[in-house]
Amino acid sequence: MKLQIQNRVDHTLSGRSPDLADGIFVRLDAAGFFVDASANVSRLGIDLDALLVMPHVTDFVAADHQPKVARYFQQVVSAEGGEHGVRFPANTGQSNETCDVVDAPAVNIAQCEDLDWYDLTLTRLDNDAGKLAGVIGTLQIVRQPITAASAASLPKSNDASNDPFTDLADRRSFVRELTGSIAMNQNASVAILAIDGMRAIFMQYGQATADEIRWGFARFLEAMAEPHFTLAQIDDERFGVILPGRHSGEAKDWACETLRTFAGLAMADDGRKPDLSASAGVARVELSAEWTMRQAELGLVMARAAGGMQAAICRPQSTFSCGRSVERAIETIVERTAKRAS
């Protein structure tokens, strides 16, 4: 029996987050009442040692989610499913009439008022005779607390992804947004901004300092970007901004103003040249996400080559606006070279 329980525990915990510091291990009887739990069950306001009557698994669930949790428990004990778990807000004694949740692997909560949300995953336990002996599982906290204000900033879909350090959209999300703008033939521009000399800063001062600068620059760009701009961190030192409705000249003006503001904030008290500088490259959104970002990155290279703390637009040669002309030129050269060799 002990070996079977251990196997069930291993099965229950498999696929969960490797960091279970926020997880609560629970064991329930066949009716759903607590038999045992790990010490951190106290975060639910439960002290099992002080109770004469054990609580039911639904007792700490917000009232309007109790039927859903009860159905999930019945599915587990009857072996009719329930493999994917259930998500619910904990019962904190507060009203949650405006609270709603979408059952999905990623957090996707529309409205919540300071409630703690949990994922409950249960596994049925059978005795040696194959009869129901109880249930074991884990309670994993999702986010604590979630407010109506912070819910607006949560990912809008399972496809959304964020940089774990700065919490900005990552390169994949940025490329997806850029591809959508091109598909809809929207008038837009892209700016790529970066702190100058980040590699040297890392080598001299270490990763902690580089991370602090990166985080601070992300917050600065959030303050400078307009609400309808798309801001993302596209690698360790570069940040991308999509400016809808702006042609490249207007985008350059915004980037220059952003850099001037940054220079003013970074200026030393004695008026000396700031220790930190940044540069930007700007390009019009066209052809493809890859093409657009490459042109903006070339603009960033030009701005840095000119001394930094400025923005530059890379304007490709008209013959290079379509890659097909370059391909034809290469094909011709290869063909003629092969004829000469033969």
C-alpha atoms as a PDB file:
ATOM      1  CA  MET A   1       0.000   0.000   0.000  1.00  0.00           C
ATOM      2  CA  LYS A   2       2.834   2.408   0.878  1.00  0.00           C
ATOM      3  CA  LEU A   3       4.515   1.722  -2.470  1.00  0.00           C
ATOM      4  CA  GLN A   4       1.235   2.359  -4.279  1.00  0.00           C
ATOM      5  CA  ILE A   5       0.756   5.649  -2.450  1.00  0.00           C
ATOM      6  CA  GLN A   6       4.293   6.715  -3.287  1.00  0.00           C
ATOM      7  CA  ASN A   7       3.732   5.879  -6.958  1.00  0.00           C
ATOM      8  CA  ARG A   8       0.523   7.935  -6.904  1.00  0.00           C
ATOM      9  CA  VAL A   9       2.357  10.837  -5.270  1.00  0.00           C
ATOM     10  CA  ASP A  10       5.044  10.714  -7.948  1.00  0.00           C
ATOM     11  CA  HIS A  11       2.340  10.642 -10.632  1.00  0.00           C
ATOM     12  CA  THR A  12       0.507  13.582  -9.066  1.00  0.00           C
ATOM     13  CA  LEU A  13       3.631  15.717  -8.832  1.00  0.00           C
ATOM     14  CA  SER A  14       4.947  14.821 -12.296  1.00  0.00           C
ATOM     15  CA  GLY A  15       4.599  17.673 -14.764  1.00  0.00           C
ATOM     16  CA  ARG A  16       4.161  20.241 -12.003  1.00  0.00           C
ATOM     17  CA  SER A  17       6.488  23.157 -11.431  1.00  0.00           C
ATOM     18  CA  PRO A  18       9.847  21.962 -10.029  1.00  0.00           C
ATOM     19  CA  ASP A  19       9.585  24.661  -7.376  1.00  0.00           C
ATOM     20  CA  LEU A  20       6.900  23.401  -5.003  1.00  0.00           C
ATOM     21  CA  ALA A  21       7.661  25.923  -2.268  1.00  0.00           C
ATOM     22  CA  ASP A  22       4.217  27.457  -2.859  1.00  0.00           C
ATOM     23  CA  GLY A  23       2.499  24.097  -3.269  1.00  0.00           C
ATOM     24  CA  ILE A  24       0.377  22.390  -0.615  1.00  0.00           C
ATOM     25  CA  PHE A  25       0.265  18.605  -0.504  1.00  0.00           C
ATOM     26  CA  VAL A  26      -3.127  17.266   0.640  1.00  0.00           C
ATOM     27  CA  ARG A  27      -4.681  13.890   1.396  1.00  0.00           C
ATOM     28  CA  LEU A  28      -8.460  13.510   1.469  1.00  0.00           C
ATOM     29  CA  ASP A  29     -10.772  10.689   2.409  1.00  0.00           C
ATOM     30  CA  ALA A  30     -13.310   9.154   0.027  1.00  0.00           C
ATOM     31  CA  ALA A  31     -15.869  11.850   0.899  1.00  0.00           C
ATOM     32  CA  GLY A  32     -13.509  14.773   0.307  1.00  0.00           C
ATOM     33  CA  PHE A  33     -12.616  15.607   3.921  1.00  0.00           C
ATOM     34  CA  PHE A  34      -9.023  16.384   4.900  1.00  0.00           C
ATOM     35  CA  VAL A  35      -6.988  13.538   6.349  1.00  0.00           C
ATOM     36  CA  ASP A  36      -3.583  15.203   6.240  1.00  0.00           C
ATOM     37  CA  ALA A  37      -1.766  18.108   4.570  1.00  0.00           C
ATOM     38  CA  SER A  38       1.683  19.666   4.436  1.00  0.00           C
ATOM     39  CA  ALA A  39       2.522  22.351   7.014  1.00  0.00           C
ATOM     40  CA  ASN A  40       1.950  25.263   4.618  1.00  0.00           C
ATOM     41  CA  VAL A  41      -1.780  24.459   4.529  1.00  0.00           C
ATOM     42  CA  SER A  42      -1.932  27.193   7.178  1.00  0.00           C
ATOM     43  CA  ARG A  43      -1.986  29.773   4.363  1.00  0.00           C
ATOM     44  CA  LEU A  44      -5.571  28.673   3.755  1.00  0.00           C
ATOM     45  CA  GLY A  45      -6.423  29.530   7.355  1.00  0.00           C
ATOM     46  CA  ILE A  46      -6.548  25.863   8.320  1.00  0.00           C
ATOM     47  CA  ASP A  47      -4.890  24.380  11.440  1.00  0.00           C
ATOM     48  CA  LEU A  48      -5.649  20.690  11.188  1.00  0.00           C
ATOM     49  CA  ASP A  49      -4.143  19.916  14.597  1.00  0.00           C
ATOM     50  CA  ALA A  50      -6.560  22.300  16.299  1.00  0.00           C
ATOM     51  CA  LEU A  51      -9.698  20.933  14.624  1.00  0.00           C
ATOM     52  CA  LEU A  52     -11.981  18.239  15.999  1.00  0.00           C
ATOM     53  CA  VAL A  53     -13.829  17.911  12.680  1.00  0.00           C
ATOM     54  CA  MET A  54     -11.770  17.950   9.515  1.00  0.00           C
ATOM     55  CA  PRO A  55     -12.802  20.488   6.815  1.00  0.00           C
ATOM     56  CA  HIS A  56     -14.085  19.477   3.393  1.00  0.00           C
ATOM     57  CA  VAL A  57     -12.061  20.263   0.273  1.00  0.00           C
ATOM     58  CA  THR A  58     -14.693  22.811  -0.812  1.00  0.00           C
ATOM     59  CA  ASP A  59     -14.737  24.688   2.512  1.00  0.00           C
ATOM     60  CA  PHE A  60     -11.938  27.060   1.532  1.00  0.00           C
ATOM     61  CA  VAL A  61     -13.227  27.594  -2.042  1.00  0.00           C
ATOM     62  CA  ALA A  62     -15.058  30.813  -2.933  1.00  0.00           C
ATOM     63  CA  ALA A  63     -18.801  30.132  -2.817  1.00  0.00           C
ATOM     64  CA  ASP A  64     -19.590  30.463  -6.520  1.00  0.00           C
ATOM     65  CA  HIS A  65     -16.776  28.033  -7.422  1.00  0.00           C
ATOM     66  CA  GLN A  66     -17.639  25.317  -4.888  1.00  0.00           C
ATOM     67  CA  PRO A  67     -19.920  23.348  -7.276  1.00  0.00           C
ATOM     68  CA  LYS A  68     -17.143  23.217  -9.868  1.00  0.00           C
ATOM     69  CA  VAL A  69     -14.610  21.894  -7.338  1.00  0.00           C
ATOM     70  CA  ALA A  70     -17.129  19.379  -6.008  1.00  0.00           C
ATOM     71  CA  ARG A  71     -17.780  18.084  -9.548  1.00  0.00           C
ATOM     72  CA  TYR A  72     -14.052  17.761 -10.119  1.00  0.00           C
ATOM     73  CA  PHE A  73     -13.641  15.736  -6.902  1.00  0.00           C
ATOM     74  CA  GLN A  74     -16.455  13.391  -7.928  1.00  0.00           C
ATOM     75  CA  GLN A  75     -14.853  12.880 -11.346  1.00  0.00           C
ATOM     76  CA  VAL A  76     -11.604  11.861  -9.652  1.00  0.00           C
ATOM     77  CA  VAL A  77     -13.114   9.420  -7.131  1.00  0.00           C
ATOM     78  CA  SER A  78     -15.344   7.854  -9.790  1.00  0.00           C
ATOM     79  CA  ALA A  79     -12.396   7.578 -12.231  1.00  0.00           C
ATOM     80  CA  GLU A  80     -14.374   9.507 -14.857  1.00  0.00           C
ATOM     81  CA  GLY A  81     -11.668  12.035 -15.648  1.00  0.00           C
ATOM     82  CA  GLY A  82     -10.392  15.120 -13.889  1.00  0.00           C
ATOM     83  CA  GLU A  83      -6.808  14.647 -15.058  1.00  0.00           C
ATOM     84  CA  HIS A  84      -6.285  18.338 -15.814  1.00  0.00           C
ATOM     85  CA  GLY A  85      -7.227  19.744 -12.428  1.00  0.00           C
ATOM     86  CA  VAL A  86      -9.408  22.718 -11.541  1.00  0.00           C
ATOM     87  CA  ARG A  87      -8.696  26.408 -10.857  1.00  0.00           C
ATOM     88  CA  PHE A  88     -10.555  28.470  -8.271  1.00  0.00           C
ATOM     89  CA  PRO A  89     -10.237  31.469  -5.921  1.00  0.00           C
ATOM     90  CA  ALA A  90      -9.793  30.771  -2.225  1.00  0.00           C
ATOM     91  CA  ASN A  91     -12.535  31.726   0.203  1.00  0.00           C
ATOM     92  CA  THR A  92     -11.232  34.814   2.000  1.00  0.00           C
ATOM     93  CA  GLY A  93     -14.592  36.032   3.232  1.00  0.00           C
ATOM     94  CA  GLN A  94     -14.650  38.774   0.574  1.00  0.00           C
ATOM     95  CA  SER A  95     -17.229  39.231  -2.124  1.00  0.00           C
ATOM     96  CA  ASN A  96     -16.249  37.796  -5.482  1.00  0.00           C
ATOM     97  CA  GLU A  97     -19.403  38.385  -7.488  1.00  0.00           C
ATOM     98  CA  THR A  98     -17.401  40.065 -10.257  1.00  0.00           C
ATOM     99  CA  CYS A  99     -14.748  37.343 -10.325  1.00  0.00           C
ATOM    100  CA  ASP A 100     -14.500  35.043 -13.293  1.00  0.00           C
ATOM    101  CA  VAL A 101     -11.897  32.562 -14.482  1.00  0.00           C
ATOM    102  CA  VAL A 102     -11.149  30.805 -17.736  1.00  0.00           C
ATOM    103  CA  ASP A 103     -10.062  27.180 -17.299  1.00  0.00           C
ATOM    104  CA  ALA A 104      -6.808  27.226 -19.226  1.00  0.00           C
ATOM    105  CA  PRO A 105      -3.169  26.314 -18.521  1.00  0.00           C
ATOM    106  CA  ALA A 106      -2.174  29.999 -18.512  1.00  0.00           C
ATOM    107  CA  VAL A 107      -3.568  32.608 -16.127  1.00  0.00           C
ATOM    108  CA  ASN A 108      -6.412  34.380 -17.895  1.00  0.00           C
ATOM    109  CA  ILE A 109      -8.595  36.158 -15.324  1.00  0.00           C
ATOM    110  CA  ALA A 110     -10.969  38.923 -16.272  1.00  0.00           C
ATOM    111  CA  GLN A 111     -11.943  40.466 -12.930  1.00  0.00           C
ATOM    112  CA  CYS A 112     -10.790  39.614  -9.391  1.00  0.00           C
ATOM    113  CA  GLU A 113     -10.838  41.483  -6.132  1.00  0.00           C
ATOM    114  CA  ASP A 114      -7.771  40.572  -4.015  1.00  0.00           C
ATOM    115  CA  LEU A 115      -8.382  36.826  -4.113  1.00  0.00           C
ATOM    116  CA  ASP A 116      -5.793  34.042  -4.046  1.00  0.00           C
ATOM    117  CA  TRP A 117      -6.170  31.608  -6.927  1.00  0.00           C
ATOM    118  CA  TYR A 118      -5.181  27.942  -6.762  1.00  0.00           C
ATOM    119  CA  ASP A 119      -4.776  25.000  -9.117  1.00  0.00           C
ATOM    120  CA  LEU A 120      -6.006  21.775  -7.515  1.00  0.00           C
ATOM    121  CA  THR A 121      -4.800  18.488  -9.007  1.00  0.00           C
ATOM    122  CA  LEU A 122      -6.055  15.245  -7.433  1.00  0.00           C
ATOM    123  CA  THR A 123      -5.359  11.544  -7.954  1.00  0.00           C
ATOM    124  CA  ARG A 124      -7.494   8.651  -6.736  1.00  0.00           C
ATOM    125  CA  LEU A 125      -5.954   6.169  -4.275  1.00  0.00           C
ATOM    126  CA  ASP A 126      -7.018   2.517  -4.289  1.00  0.00           C
ATOM    127  CA  ASN A 127      -6.255  -0.060  -1.604  1.00  0.00           C
ATOM    128  CA  ASP A 128      -4.787  -3.501  -2.271  1.00  0.00           C
ATOM    129  CA  ALA A 129      -8.249  -4.800  -3.092  1.00  0.00           C
ATOM    130  CA  GLY A 130      -8.788  -2.132  -5.726  1.00  0.00           C
ATOM    131  CA  LYS A 131     -11.306  -0.227  -3.616  1.00  0.00           C
ATOM    132  CA  LEU A 132     -11.291   3.554  -3.153  1.00  0.00           C
ATOM    133  CA  ALA A 133      -9.049   4.493  -0.227  1.00  0.00           C
ATOM    134  CA  GLY A 134      -9.010   8.252  -0.654  1.00  0.00           C
ATOM    135  CA  VAL A 135      -7.457  10.981  -2.750  1.00  0.00           C
ATOM    136  CA  ILE A 136      -4.095  12.754  -2.756  1.00  0.00           C
ATOM    137  CA  GLY A 137      -3.048  15.855  -4.643  1.00  0.00           C
ATOM    138  CA  THR A 138      -1.474  19.288  -4.697  1.00  0.00           C
ATOM    139  CA  LEU A 139      -2.729  22.835  -4.361  1.00  0.00           C
ATOM    140  CA  GLN A 140      -0.523  25.232  -6.303  1.00  0.00           C
ATOM    141  CA  ILE A 141      -0.940  28.980  -5.883  1.00  0.00           C
ATOM    142  CA  VAL A 142      -1.399  30.819  -9.182  1.00  0.00           C
ATOM    143  CA  ARG A 143      -0.971  34.468  -8.244  1.00  0.00           C
ATOM    144  CA  GLN A 144      -1.217  36.277  -4.907  1.00  0.00           C
ATOM    145  CA  PRO A 145      -3.015  38.560  -4.862  1.00  0.00           C
ATOM    146  CA  ILE A 146      -4.719  39.301  -8.178  1.00  0.00           C
ATOM    147  CA  THR A 147      -6.549  42.594  -8.338  1.00  0.00           C
ATOM    148  CA  ALA A 148      -8.865  44.004 -10.964  1.00  0.00           C
ATOM    149  CA  ALA A 149      -6.168  46.519 -11.887  1.00  0.00           C
ATOM    150  CA  SER A 150      -3.410  43.956 -12.294  1.00  0.00           C
ATOM    151  CA  ALA A 151      -5.676  41.556 -14.161  1.00  0.00           C
ATOM    152  CA  ALA A 152      -5.727  43.979 -17.084  1.00  0.00           C
ATOM    153  CA  SER A 153      -2.005  43.399 -17.571  1.00  0.00           C
ATOM    154  CA  LEU A 154      -2.220  39.593 -17.590  1.00  0.00           C
ATOM    155  CA  PRO A 155      -1.672  37.717 -20.881  1.00  0.00           C
ATOM    156  CA  LYS A 156      -4.712  37.920 -23.130  1.00  0.00           C
ATOM    157  CA  SER A 157      -4.234  34.423 -24.550  1.00  0.00           C
ATOM    158  CA  ASN A 158      -2.137  31.300 -24.225  1.00  0.00           C
ATOM    159  CA  ASP A 159       0.045  32.553 -27.099  1.00  0.00           C
ATOM    160  CA  ALA A 160       1.218  35.607 -25.179  1.00  0.00           C
ATOM    161  CA  SER A 161       4.736  35.381 -23.746  1.00  0.00           C
ATOM    162  CA  ASN A 162       6.767  37.770 -21.638  1.00  0.00           C
ATOM    163  CA  ASP A 163      10.383  38.238 -20.724  1.00  0.00           C
ATOM    164  CA  PRO A 164      10.634  36.841 -17.171  1.00  0.00           C
ATOM    165  CA  PHE A 165      12.931  39.620 -15.941  1.00  0.00           C
ATOM    166  CA  THR A 166      11.418  42.842 -17.324  1.00  0.00           C
ATOM    167  CA  ASP A 167       7.876  41.439 -17.825  1.00  0.00           C
ATOM    168  CA  LEU A 168       7.753  42.982 -21.293  1.00  0.00           C
ATOM    169  CA  ALA A 169       6.585  41.009 -24.311  1.00  0.00           C
ATOM    170  CA  ASP A 170       9.417  38.907 -25.719  1.00  0.00           C
ATOM    171  CA  ARG A 171      10.771  38.693 -29.273  1.00  0.00           C
ATOM    172  CA  ARG A 172       8.297  36.002 -30.331  1.00  0.00           C
ATOM    173  CA  SER A 173       5.304  38.119 -29.272  1.00  0.00           C
ATOM    174  CA  PHE A 174       6.852  41.160 -30.937  1.00  0.00           C
ATOM    175  CA  VAL A 175       7.358  39.336 -34.250  1.00  0.00           C
ATOM    176  CA  ARG A 176       3.785  38.009 -34.099  1.00  0.00           C
ATOM    177  CA  GLU A 177       2.417  41.534 -33.586  1.00  0.00           C
ATOM    178  CA  LEU A 178       4.614  42.877 -36.368  1.00  0.00           C
ATOM    179  CA  THR A 179       3.526  40.133 -38.759  1.00  0.00           C
ATOM    180  CA  GLY A 180      -0.107  40.990 -38.012  1.00  0.00           C
ATOM    181  CA  SER A 181       0.491  44.659 -38.831  1.00  0.00           C
ATOM    182  CA  ILE A 182       2.041  43.701 -42.174  1.00  0.00           C
ATOM    183  CA  ALA A 183      -0.792  41.285 -42.989  1.00  0.00           C
ATOM    184  CA  MET A 184      -3.348  44.059 -42.406  1.00  0.00           C
ATOM    185  CA  ASN A 185      -1.244  46.485 -44.445  1.00  0.00           C
ATOM    186  CA  GLN A 186      -1.121  48.952 -41.569  1.00  0.00           C
ATOM    187  CA  ASN A 187       0.910  52.127 -41.744  1.00  0.00           C
ATOM    188  CA  ALA A 188       3.462  51.704 -38.946  1.00  0.00           C
ATOM    189  CA  SER A 189       7.119  51.980 -38.069  1.00  0.00           C
ATOM    190  CA  VAL A 190       9.486  50.116 -35.791  1.00  0.00           C
ATOM    191  CA  ALA A 191      12.148  51.508 -33.472  1.00  0.00           C
ATOM    192  CA  ILE A 192      14.829  49.372 -31.854  1.00  0.00           C
ATOM    193  CA  LEU A 193      16.518  50.977 -28.850  1.00  0.00           C
ATOM    194  CA  ALA A 194      19.419  49.802 -26.731  1.00  0.00           C
ATOM    195  CA  ILE A 195      21.775  50.976 -24.009  1.00  0.00           C
ATOM    196  CA  ASP A 196      25.206  51.582 -25.559  1.00  0.00           C
ATOM    197  CA  GLY A 197      28.060  49.424 -24.319  1.00  0.00           C
ATOM    198  CA  MET A 198      25.991  46.884 -22.396  1.00  0.00           C
ATOM    199  CA  ARG A 199      28.579  44.187 -23.018  1.00  0.00           C
ATOM    200  CA  ALA A 200      31.312  46.378 -21.517  1.00  0.00           C
ATOM    201  CA  ILE A 201      29.069  47.211 -18.540  1.00  0.00           C
ATOM    202  CA  PHE A 202      28.512  43.501 -17.951  1.00  0.00           C
ATOM    203  CA  MET A 203      32.227  42.678 -18.163  1.00  0.00           C
ATOM    204  CA  GLN A 204      33.205  45.476 -15.785  1.00  0.00           C
ATOM    205  CA  TYR A 205      30.393  45.510 -13.232  1.00  0.00           C
ATOM    206  CA  GLY A 206      28.791  42.077 -13.499  1.00  0.00           C
ATOM    207  CA  GLN A 207      25.410  40.597 -14.320  1.00  0.00           C
ATOM    208  CA  ALA A 208      23.541  42.151 -11.387  1.00  0.00           C
ATOM    209  CA  THR A 209      24.376  45.687 -12.522  1.00  0.00           C
ATOM    210  CA  ALA A 210      23.568  44.880 -16.153  1.00  0.00           C
ATOM    211  CA  ASP A 211      20.201  43.434 -15.098  1.00  0.00           C
ATOM    212  CA  GLU A 212      19.415  46.511 -13.015  1.00  0.00           C
ATOM    213  CA  ILE A 213      20.159  48.803 -15.968  1.00  0.00           C
ATOM    214  CA  ARG A 214      18.084  46.652 -18.304  1.00  0.00           C
ATOM    215  CA  TRP A 215      15.124  46.651 -15.894  1.00  0.00           C
ATOM    216  CA  GLY A 216      15.369  50.416 -15.392  1.00  0.00           C
ATOM    217  CA  PHE A 217      15.530  51.096 -19.143  1.00  0.00           C
ATOM    218  CA  ALA A 218      12.445  48.910 -19.644  1.00  0.00           C
ATOM    219  CA  ARG A 219      10.511  50.973 -17.093  1.00  0.00           C
ATOM    220  CA  PHE A 220      11.710  54.196 -18.760  1.00  0.00           C
ATOM    221  CA  LEU A 221      10.517  53.034 -22.189  1.00  0.00           C
ATOM    222  CA  GLU A 222       7.149  52.056 -20.715  1.00  0.00           C
ATOM    223  CA  ALA A 223       6.775  55.624 -19.461  1.00  0.00           C
ATOM    224  CA  MET A 224       7.741  57.107 -22.850  1.00  0.00           C
ATOM    225  CA  ALA A 225       5.655  54.787 -25.044  1.00  0.00           C
ATOM    226  CA  GLU A 226       2.125  55.861 -25.908  1.00  0.00           C
ATOM    227  CA  PRO A 227      -0.716  53.519 -24.872  1.00  0.00           C
ATOM    228  CA  HIS A 228      -1.236  52.130 -28.387  1.00  0.00           C
ATOM    229  CA  PHE A 229       2.474  51.367 -28.948  1.00  0.00           C
ATOM    230  CA  THR A 230       3.728  47.776 -28.674  1.00  0.00           C
ATOM    231  CA  LEU A 231       6.829  47.486 -26.497  1.00  0.00           C
ATOM    232  CA  ALA A 232       8.948  44.334 -26.223  1.00  0.00           C
ATOM    233  CA  GLN A 233      12.362  43.127 -25.176  1.00  0.00           C
ATOM    234  CA  ILE A 234      13.810  41.370 -28.198  1.00  0.00           C
ATOM    235  CA  ASP A 235      17.088  40.234 -26.632  1.00  0.00           C
ATOM    236  CA  ASP A 236      19.284  40.887 -23.585  1.00  0.00           C
ATOM    237  CA  GLU A 237      20.032  44.500 -24.513  1.00  0.00           C
ATOM    238  CA  ARG A 238      17.668  45.605 -27.278  1.00  0.00           C
ATOM    239  CA  PHE A 239      14.070  46.758 -27.002  1.00  0.00           C
ATOM    240  CA  GLY A 240      11.586  47.003 -29.861  1.00  0.00           C
ATOM    241  CA  VAL A 241       8.687  49.422 -30.263  1.00  0.00           C
ATOM    242  CA  ILE A 242       5.941  49.262 -32.898  1.00  0.00           C
ATOM    243  CA  LEU A 243       4.513  52.714 -33.597  1.00  0.00           C
ATOM    244  CA  PRO A 244       1.194  52.305 -35.465  1.00  0.00           C
ATOM    245  CA  GLY A 245       0.118  55.190 -37.669  1.00  0.00           C
ATOM    246  CA  ARG A 246       3.618  56.723 -37.720  1.00  0.00           C
ATOM    247  CA  HIS A 247       5.824  56.930 -40.800  1.00  0.00           C
ATOM    248  CA  SER A 248       9.551  56.498 -40.318  1.00  0.00           C
ATOM    249  CA  GLY A 249      10.246  60.223 -39.955  1.00  0.00           C
ATOM    250  CA  GLU A 250       7.691  60.581 -37.152  1.00  0.00           C
ATOM    251  CA  ALA A 251       9.034  57.442 -35.519  1.00  0.00           C
ATOM    252  CA  LYS A 252      12.529  58.900 -35.623  1.00  0.00           C
ATOM    253  CA  ASP A 253      11.264  62.100 -33.985  1.00  0.00           C
ATOM    254  CA  TRP A 254       9.752  60.033 -31.159  1.00  0.00           C
ATOM    255  CA  ALA A 255      12.966  58.037 -30.754  1.00  0.00           C
ATOM    256  CA  CYS A 256      15.076  61.224 -30.683  1.00  0.00           C
ATOM    257  CA  GLU A 257      12.813  62.790 -28.064  1.00  0.00           C
ATOM    258  CA  THR A 258      12.990  59.586 -26.012  1.00  0.00           C
ATOM    259  CA  LEU A 259      16.798  59.609 -26.171  1.00  0.00           C
ATOM    260  CA  ARG A 260      16.966  63.292 -25.224  1.00  0.00           C
ATOM    261  CA  THR A 261      14.787  62.613 -22.206  1.00  0.00           C
ATOM    262  CA  PHE A 262      16.959  59.660 -21.242  1.00  0.00           C
ATOM    263  CA  ALA A 263      20.105  61.791 -21.591  1.00  0.00           C
ATOM    264  CA  GLY A 264      18.594  64.407 -19.294  1.00  0.00           C
ATOM    265  CA  LEU A 265      17.741  61.810 -16.670  1.00  0.00           C
ATOM    266  CA  ALA A 266      21.201  60.226 -16.894  1.00  0.00           C
ATOM    267  CA  MET A 267      23.050  63.564 -16.762  1.00  0.00           C
ATOM    268  CA  ALA A 268      25.456  63.918 -13.832  1.00  0.00           C
ATOM    269  CA  ASP A 269      24.747  66.631 -11.248  1.00  0.00           C
ATOM    270  CA  ASP A 270      27.854  68.561 -12.282  1.00  0.00           C
ATOM    271  CA  GLY A 271      26.751  68.670 -15.923  1.00  0.00           C
ATOM    272  CA  ARG A 272      29.298  66.168 -17.158  1.00  0.00           C
ATOM    273  CA  LYS A 273      28.498  63.813 -20.029  1.00  0.00           C
ATOM    274  CA  PRO A 274      26.147  61.072 -18.784  1.00  0.00           C
ATOM    275  CA  ASP A 275      27.688  57.741 -17.903  1.00  0.00           C
ATOM    276  CA  LEU A 276      24.885  55.924 -19.727  1.00  0.00           C
ATOM    277  CA  SER A 277      23.874  56.502 -23.319  1.00  0.00           C
ATOM    278  CA  ALA A 278      21.416  54.843 -25.661  1.00  0.00           C
ATOM    279  CA  SER A 279      20.821  54.686 -29.403  1.00  0.00           C
ATOM    280  CA  ALA A 280      17.936  53.801 -31.709  1.00  0.00           C
ATOM    281  CA  GLY A 281      17.357  52.491 -35.201  1.00  0.00           C
ATOM    282  CA  VAL A 282      14.113  53.146 -37.070  1.00  0.00           C
ATOM    283  CA  ALA A 283      12.486  51.464 -40.065  1.00  0.00           C
ATOM    284  CA  ARG A 284       9.155  51.421 -41.842  1.00  0.00           C
ATOM    285  CA  VAL A 285       7.035  48.291 -41.379  1.00  0.00           C
ATOM    286  CA  GLU A 286       7.035  46.525 -44.749  1.00  0.00           C
ATOM    287  CA  LEU A 287       7.628  43.255 -46.612  1.00  0.00           C
ATOM    288  CA  SER A 288       8.108  40.992 -43.561  1.00  0.00           C
ATOM    289  CA  ALA A 289       8.836  41.087 -39.850  1.00  0.00           C
ATOM    290  CA  GLU A 290      12.380  39.831 -40.477  1.00  0.00           C
ATOM    291  CA  TRP A 291      13.056  42.480 -43.120  1.00  0.00           C
ATOM    292  CA  THR A 292      11.641  45.287 -40.983  1.00  0.00           C
ATOM    293  CA  MET A 293      13.597  44.331 -37.873  1.00  0.00           C
ATOM    294  CA  ARG A 294      16.806  43.932 -39.848  1.00  0.00           C
ATOM    295  CA  GLN A 295      16.447  47.429 -41.293  1.00  0.00           C
ATOM    296  CA  ALA A 296      15.809  48.872 -37.826  1.00  0.00           C
ATOM    297  CA  GLU A 297      18.818  47.006 -36.434  1.00  0.00           C
ATOM    298  CA  LEU A 298      20.985  48.381 -39.234  1.00  0.00           C
ATOM    299  CA  GLY A 299      19.758  51.843 -38.263  1.00  0.00           C
ATOM    300  CA  LEU A 300      20.851  51.116 -34.680  1.00  0.00           C
ATOM    301  CA  VAL A 301      24.316  50.162 -35.950  1.00  0.00           C
ATOM    302  CA  MET A 302      24.495  53.439 -37.909  1.00  0.00           C
ATOM    303  CA  ALA A 303      23.445  55.481 -34.869  1.00  0.00           C
ATOM    304  CA  ARG A 304      26.091  53.881 -32.688  1.00  0.00           C
ATOM    305  CA  ALA A 305      28.758  54.307 -35.364  1.00  0.00           C
ATOM    306  CA  ALA A 306      27.927  58.023 -35.420  1.00  0.00           C
ATOM    307  CA  GLY A 307      28.670  58.344 -31.703  1.00  0.00           C
ATOM    308  CA  GLY A 308      25.519  57.082 -30.005  1.00  0.00           C
ATOM    309  CA  MET A 309      22.724  58.919 -28.207  1.00  0.00           C
ATOM    310  CA  GLN A 310      20.879  59.428 -31.490  1.00  0.00           C
ATOM    311  CA  ALA A 311      18.432  57.698 -33.822  1.00  0.00           C
ATOM    312  CA  ALA A 312      19.062  56.714 -37.425  1.00  0.00           C
ATOM    313  CA  ILE A 313      16.978  55.404 -40.306  1.00  0.00           C
ATOM    314  CA  CYS A 314      18.430  52.778 -42.589  1.00  0.00           C
ATOM    315  CA  ARG A 315      17.151  53.384 -46.108  1.00  0.00           C
ATOM    316  CA  PRO A 316      17.886  50.323 -48.289  1.00  0.00           C
ATOM    317  CA  GLN A 317      18.811  50.685 -51.939  1.00  0.00           C
ATOM    318  CA  SER A 318      15.762  50.501 -54.160  1.00  0.00           C
ATOM    319  CA  THR A 319      17.186  47.440 -55.951  1.00  0.00           C
ATOM    320  CA  PHE A 320      17.329  45.625 -52.612  1.00  0.00           C
ATOM    321  CA  SER A 321      13.711  46.299 -51.719  1.00  0.00           C
ATOM    322  CA  CYS A 322      12.856  42.951 -53.266  1.00  0.00           C
ATOM    323  CA  GLY A 323      15.103  39.985 -52.580  1.00  0.00           C
ATOM    324  CA  ARG A 324      14.213  38.413 -55.920  1.00  0.00           C
ATOM    325  CA  SER A 325      16.467  40.839 -57.864  1.00  0.00           C
ATOM    326  CA  VAL A 326      19.413  39.843 -55.672  1.00  0.00           C
ATOM    327  CA  GLU A 327      18.621  36.158 -56.172  1.00  0.00           C
ATOM    328  CA  ARG A 328      18.572  36.621 -59.960  1.00  0.00           C
ATOM    329  CA  ALA A 329      21.942  38.374 -59.844  1.00  0.00           C
ATOM    330  CA  ILE A 330      23.485  35.537 -57.840  1.00  0.00           C
ATOM    331  CA  GLU A 331      21.979  32.922 -60.176  1.00  0.00           C
ATOM    332  CA  THR A 332      23.453  34.725 -63.180  1.00  0.00           C
ATOM    333  CA  ILE A 333      26.898  34.894 -61.585  1.00  0.00           C
ATOM    334  CA  VAL A 334      26.832  31.207 -60.653  1.00  0.00           C
ATOM    335  CA  GLU A 335      25.668  30.213 -64.135  1.00  0.00           C
ATOM    336  CA  ARG A 336      28.378  32.251 -65.900  1.00  0.00           C
ATOM    337  CA  THR A 337      31.051  31.000 -63.521  1.00  0.00           C
ATOM    338  CA  ALA A 338      30.062  27.403 -64.243  1.00  0.00           C
ATOM    339  CA  LYS A 339      30.247  27.999 -68.009  1.00  0.00           C
ATOM    340  CA  ARG A 340      33.715  29.550 -67.736  1.00  0.00           C
ATOM    341  CA  ALA A 341      34.906  26.653 -65.605  1.00  0.00           C
ATOM    342  CA  SER A 342      33.671  24.118 -68.149  1.00  0.00           C
END
